[in-house]
Amino acid sequence: MPNFETIPIDVAAERTVVNQRQKIIQEYVAYIQQLPEGQAAKLTAGEGETLPMIRRRLGEAARAANKDLVIKRTGDELYFWVQKKPRKRRPGTPRRLRSPI
């Protein structure tokens, strides 16, 4: 039989996965917004974190903040800065047309 317990809604909202994820992304958005123009920042992994995890969160936060970031990894450090003008993205490989033969 499961244990039933009532708790306040704000406590439940804090502990839910979706809200926790949004809270983490907002923390990364704050990192991006604190970054002065022309400066770079460095992030290192804390306990229980990996650099790919940090990079993924940073990319998601950049999309949420509508910023174009350059993210580079060197060893166990992650560097990032705001790109002044949007990077030109290469188009994908064009589709190969099949001949009617």
N, C-alpha and C. Protein backbone atom coordinates (compact mmCIF):
# COMPACT_ATOMS: atom_id res chain seq x y z
N MET A 1 0.84 -1.17 0.00
CA MET A 1 0.00 0.00 0.00
C MET A 1 0.89 1.24 0.00
N PRO A 2 0.66 2.20 -0.90
CA PRO A 2 1.49 3.41 -0.93
C PRO A 2 1.22 4.32 0.26
N ASN A 3 2.19 5.12 0.61
CA ASN A 3 2.03 6.12 1.67
C ASN A 3 1.44 7.38 1.07
N PHE A 4 0.42 7.92 1.72
CA PHE A 4 -0.23 9.15 1.26
C PHE A 4 0.15 10.27 2.19
N GLU A 5 0.55 11.40 1.60
CA GLU A 5 0.96 12.55 2.39
C GLU A 5 0.57 13.81 1.63
N THR A 6 0.05 14.79 2.31
CA THR A 6 -0.27 16.05 1.67
C THR A 6 0.88 17.02 1.89
N ILE A 7 1.19 17.78 0.85
CA ILE A 7 2.26 18.77 0.92
C ILE A 7 1.80 20.03 0.22
N PRO A 8 2.40 21.18 0.51
CA PRO A 8 2.03 22.42 -0.17
C PRO A 8 2.36 22.34 -1.67
N ILE A 9 1.61 23.05 -2.48
CA ILE A 9 1.78 23.02 -3.93
C ILE A 9 3.15 23.56 -4.32
N ASP A 10 3.64 24.60 -3.65
CA ASP A 10 4.93 25.17 -4.02
C ASP A 10 6.07 24.17 -3.81
N VAL A 11 5.97 23.34 -2.77
CA VAL A 11 6.98 22.32 -2.53
C VAL A 11 6.93 21.27 -3.64
N ALA A 12 5.72 20.88 -4.02
CA ALA A 12 5.57 19.90 -5.11
C ALA A 12 6.09 20.47 -6.42
N ALA A 13 5.83 21.75 -6.68
CA ALA A 13 6.30 22.37 -7.91
C ALA A 13 7.82 22.43 -7.96
N GLU A 14 8.47 22.67 -6.83
CA GLU A 14 9.93 22.71 -6.77
C GLU A 14 10.54 21.36 -7.07
N ARG A 15 9.88 20.31 -6.66
CA ARG A 15 10.46 18.98 -6.76
C ARG A 15 10.12 18.25 -8.05
N THR A 16 9.28 18.81 -8.88
CA THR A 16 8.94 18.14 -10.14
C THR A 16 10.07 18.31 -11.13
N VAL A 17 10.21 17.34 -12.00
CA VAL A 17 11.31 17.33 -12.96
C VAL A 17 11.21 18.50 -13.92
N VAL A 18 10.05 18.79 -14.45
CA VAL A 18 9.89 19.87 -15.42
C VAL A 18 10.27 21.20 -14.79
N ASN A 19 9.78 21.47 -13.62
CA ASN A 19 10.09 22.73 -12.96
C ASN A 19 11.57 22.80 -12.60
N GLN A 20 12.15 21.69 -12.19
CA GLN A 20 13.57 21.67 -11.83
C GLN A 20 14.41 21.96 -13.07
N ARG A 21 14.02 21.40 -14.19
CA ARG A 21 14.76 21.63 -15.44
C ARG A 21 14.69 23.11 -15.83
N GLN A 22 13.51 23.71 -15.72
CA GLN A 22 13.36 25.12 -16.04
C GLN A 22 14.19 25.99 -15.10
N LYS A 23 14.26 25.59 -13.87
CA LYS A 23 15.05 26.32 -12.88
C LYS A 23 16.53 26.29 -13.25
N ILE A 24 17.02 25.14 -13.69
CA ILE A 24 18.42 25.01 -14.09
C ILE A 24 18.69 25.85 -15.34
N ILE A 25 17.78 25.80 -16.31
CA ILE A 25 17.96 26.56 -17.55
C ILE A 25 17.97 28.06 -17.24
N GLN A 26 17.11 28.50 -16.32
CA GLN A 26 17.10 29.92 -15.94
C GLN A 26 18.43 30.33 -15.30
N GLU A 27 19.06 29.41 -14.58
CA GLU A 27 20.37 29.68 -13.99
C GLU A 27 21.41 29.90 -15.10
N TYR A 28 21.34 29.10 -16.14
CA TYR A 28 22.26 29.24 -17.26
C TYR A 28 21.96 30.51 -18.06
N VAL A 29 20.69 30.87 -18.19
CA VAL A 29 20.33 32.12 -18.86
C VAL A 29 20.94 33.30 -18.09
N ALA A 30 20.93 33.21 -16.77
CA ALA A 30 21.54 34.27 -15.96
C ALA A 30 23.05 34.36 -16.22
N TYR A 31 23.71 33.20 -16.44
CA TYR A 31 25.14 33.22 -16.77
C TYR A 31 25.36 33.99 -18.07
N ILE A 32 24.51 33.73 -19.06
CA ILE A 32 24.64 34.38 -20.36
C ILE A 32 24.39 35.88 -20.24
N GLN A 33 23.39 36.27 -19.47
CA GLN A 33 23.04 37.68 -19.34
C GLN A 33 24.08 38.45 -18.53
N GLN A 34 24.80 37.80 -17.64
CA GLN A 34 25.84 38.46 -16.84
C GLN A 34 27.10 38.72 -17.65
N LEU A 35 27.23 38.06 -18.79
CA LEU A 35 28.43 38.14 -19.59
C LEU A 35 28.52 39.49 -20.30
N PRO A 36 29.53 40.32 -19.98
CA PRO A 36 29.67 41.61 -20.66
C PRO A 36 30.05 41.42 -22.13
N GLU A 37 29.70 42.39 -22.96
CA GLU A 37 30.03 42.31 -24.38
C GLU A 37 31.54 42.31 -24.56
N GLY A 38 32.01 41.44 -25.42
CA GLY A 38 33.44 41.34 -25.68
C GLY A 38 34.18 40.48 -24.67
N GLN A 39 33.48 39.83 -23.78
CA GLN A 39 34.11 38.98 -22.77
C GLN A 39 33.66 37.53 -22.98
N ALA A 40 34.47 36.61 -22.51
CA ALA A 40 34.14 35.19 -22.54
C ALA A 40 33.99 34.69 -21.11
N ALA A 41 33.38 33.54 -20.96
CA ALA A 41 33.22 32.95 -19.64
C ALA A 41 33.68 31.50 -19.68
N LYS A 42 34.01 30.97 -18.52
CA LYS A 42 34.48 29.59 -18.41
C LYS A 42 33.60 28.85 -17.41
N LEU A 43 33.19 27.64 -17.78
CA LEU A 43 32.43 26.78 -16.88
C LEU A 43 33.19 25.47 -16.72
N THR A 44 33.21 24.96 -15.51
CA THR A 44 33.77 23.64 -15.25
C THR A 44 32.67 22.80 -14.60
N ALA A 45 32.77 21.51 -14.79
CA ALA A 45 31.75 20.60 -14.27
C ALA A 45 31.86 20.47 -12.75
N GLY A 46 30.70 20.55 -12.11
CA GLY A 46 30.64 20.32 -10.68
C GLY A 46 30.38 18.85 -10.41
N GLU A 47 30.18 18.53 -9.17
CA GLU A 47 29.93 17.14 -8.79
C GLU A 47 28.59 16.68 -9.39
N GLY A 48 28.61 15.54 -10.05
CA GLY A 48 27.41 14.98 -10.65
C GLY A 48 27.07 15.57 -12.01
N GLU A 49 27.95 16.39 -12.57
CA GLU A 49 27.72 17.00 -13.88
C GLU A 49 28.82 16.57 -14.85
N THR A 50 28.47 16.59 -16.13
CA THR A 50 29.44 16.31 -17.17
C THR A 50 29.49 17.50 -18.12
N LEU A 51 30.58 17.63 -18.86
CA LEU A 51 30.70 18.74 -19.81
C LEU A 51 29.65 18.67 -20.92
N PRO A 52 29.34 17.48 -21.46
CA PRO A 52 28.25 17.45 -22.45
C PRO A 52 26.91 17.91 -21.88
N MET A 53 26.66 17.61 -20.63
CA MET A 53 25.42 18.04 -19.96
C MET A 53 25.40 19.57 -19.85
N ILE A 54 26.52 20.14 -19.45
CA ILE A 54 26.62 21.59 -19.31
C ILE A 54 26.48 22.26 -20.67
N ARG A 55 27.11 21.70 -21.69
CA ARG A 55 27.03 22.26 -23.04
C ARG A 55 25.58 22.24 -23.56
N ARG A 56 24.88 21.14 -23.32
CA ARG A 56 23.49 21.02 -23.74
C ARG A 56 22.61 22.05 -23.03
N ARG A 57 22.80 22.20 -21.74
CA ARG A 57 22.03 23.18 -20.99
C ARG A 57 22.34 24.60 -21.45
N LEU A 58 23.60 24.87 -21.72
CA LEU A 58 24.02 26.20 -22.17
C LEU A 58 23.40 26.52 -23.53
N GLY A 59 23.37 25.54 -24.42
CA GLY A 59 22.75 25.74 -25.73
C GLY A 59 21.26 25.99 -25.61
N GLU A 60 20.61 25.25 -24.73
CA GLU A 60 19.17 25.45 -24.51
C GLU A 60 18.89 26.83 -23.91
N ALA A 61 19.74 27.26 -22.99
CA ALA A 61 19.59 28.58 -22.38
C ALA A 61 19.82 29.68 -23.40
N ALA A 62 20.76 29.48 -24.31
CA ALA A 62 21.03 30.48 -25.35
C ALA A 62 19.82 30.62 -26.27
N ARG A 63 19.18 29.51 -26.61
CA ARG A 63 17.96 29.59 -27.43
C ARG A 63 16.85 30.29 -26.67
N ALA A 64 16.75 30.04 -25.37
CA ALA A 64 15.72 30.69 -24.55
C ALA A 64 15.97 32.19 -24.44
N ALA A 65 17.24 32.58 -24.39
CA ALA A 65 17.61 34.00 -24.27
C ALA A 65 17.74 34.68 -25.62
N ASN A 66 17.56 33.91 -26.69
CA ASN A 66 17.66 34.42 -28.06
C ASN A 66 19.05 35.02 -28.32
N LYS A 67 20.07 34.30 -27.90
CA LYS A 67 21.46 34.71 -28.09
C LYS A 67 22.17 33.67 -28.95
N ASP A 68 23.14 34.11 -29.72
CA ASP A 68 23.95 33.22 -30.53
C ASP A 68 25.28 33.04 -29.81
N LEU A 69 25.51 31.86 -29.24
CA LEU A 69 26.72 31.61 -28.47
C LEU A 69 27.72 30.81 -29.27
N VAL A 70 28.98 31.05 -28.97
CA VAL A 70 30.07 30.20 -29.43
C VAL A 70 30.49 29.43 -28.20
N ILE A 71 30.50 28.09 -28.30
CA ILE A 71 30.85 27.24 -27.17
C ILE A 71 32.03 26.38 -27.59
N LYS A 72 33.11 26.42 -26.83
CA LYS A 72 34.32 25.66 -27.12
C LYS A 72 34.72 24.89 -25.87
N ARG A 73 35.23 23.68 -26.09
CA ARG A 73 35.67 22.84 -24.98
C ARG A 73 37.17 22.64 -25.08
N THR A 74 37.83 22.78 -23.95
CA THR A 74 39.26 22.51 -23.85
C THR A 74 39.48 21.70 -22.59
N GLY A 75 39.83 20.45 -22.74
CA GLY A 75 40.07 19.59 -21.59
C GLY A 75 38.81 19.45 -20.75
N ASP A 76 38.89 19.88 -19.50
CA ASP A 76 37.74 19.78 -18.61
C ASP A 76 37.10 21.15 -18.35
N GLU A 77 37.27 22.07 -19.33
CA GLU A 77 36.68 23.41 -19.22
C GLU A 77 35.87 23.73 -20.45
N LEU A 78 34.82 24.50 -20.25
CA LEU A 78 33.95 24.91 -21.34
C LEU A 78 33.98 26.43 -21.40
N TYR A 79 34.35 26.99 -22.55
CA TYR A 79 34.39 28.43 -22.74
C TYR A 79 33.23 28.83 -23.64
N PHE A 80 32.65 29.98 -23.38
CA PHE A 80 31.58 30.46 -24.24
C PHE A 80 31.57 31.98 -24.27
N TRP A 81 31.07 32.52 -25.38
CA TRP A 81 30.90 33.95 -25.54
C TRP A 81 29.78 34.19 -26.52
N VAL A 82 29.25 35.42 -26.47
CA VAL A 82 28.14 35.79 -27.35
C VAL A 82 28.71 36.21 -28.69
N GLN A 83 28.21 35.61 -29.75
CA GLN A 83 28.61 35.96 -31.11
C GLN A 83 27.97 37.29 -31.48
N LYS A 84 28.76 38.24 -31.95
CA LYS A 84 28.24 39.57 -32.25
C LYS A 84 27.26 39.56 -33.41
N LYS A 85 27.60 38.89 -34.49
CA LYS A 85 26.66 38.79 -35.60
C LYS A 85 26.39 37.31 -35.86
N PRO A 86 25.23 36.99 -36.34
CA PRO A 86 24.89 35.58 -36.53
C PRO A 86 25.89 34.88 -37.46
N ARG A 87 26.22 33.68 -37.09
CA ARG A 87 27.12 32.89 -37.92
C ARG A 87 26.40 32.43 -39.18
N LYS A 88 27.13 32.40 -40.27
CA LYS A 88 26.54 31.86 -41.49
C LYS A 88 26.58 30.35 -41.39
N ARG A 89 25.44 29.76 -41.58
CA ARG A 89 25.36 28.31 -41.51
C ARG A 89 25.39 27.73 -42.90
N ARG A 90 26.14 26.68 -43.03
CA ARG A 90 26.22 26.02 -44.33
C ARG A 90 24.93 25.27 -44.58
N PRO A 91 24.44 25.35 -45.80
CA PRO A 91 23.24 24.58 -46.11
C PRO A 91 23.57 23.10 -46.14
N GLY A 92 22.58 22.30 -45.96
CA GLY A 92 22.78 20.86 -46.00
C GLY A 92 23.10 20.37 -47.40
N THR A 93 23.43 19.13 -47.51
CA THR A 93 23.73 18.54 -48.80
C THR A 93 22.45 18.49 -49.63
N PRO A 94 22.51 18.96 -50.89
CA PRO A 94 21.30 18.92 -51.70
C PRO A 94 20.90 17.49 -52.00
N ARG A 95 19.62 17.31 -52.19
CA ARG A 95 19.13 15.97 -52.50
C ARG A 95 19.61 15.55 -53.87
N ARG A 96 19.88 14.30 -53.98
CA ARG A 96 20.33 13.76 -55.25
C ARG A 96 19.11 13.37 -56.07
N LEU A 97 19.04 13.90 -57.26
CA LEU A 97 17.90 13.60 -58.13
C LEU A 97 18.13 12.28 -58.83
N ARG A 98 17.11 11.48 -58.86
CA ARG A 98 17.21 10.18 -59.53
C ARG A 98 16.80 10.34 -60.98
N SER A 99 17.56 9.77 -61.85
CA SER A 99 17.21 9.87 -63.26
C SER A 99 16.05 8.91 -63.56
N PRO A 100 15.21 9.26 -64.52
CA PRO A 100 14.04 8.42 -64.81
C PRO A 100 14.38 7.14 -65.58
N ILE A 101 15.63 6.84 -65.76
CA ILE A 101 16.02 5.65 -66.53
C ILE A 101 15.76 4.40 -65.78
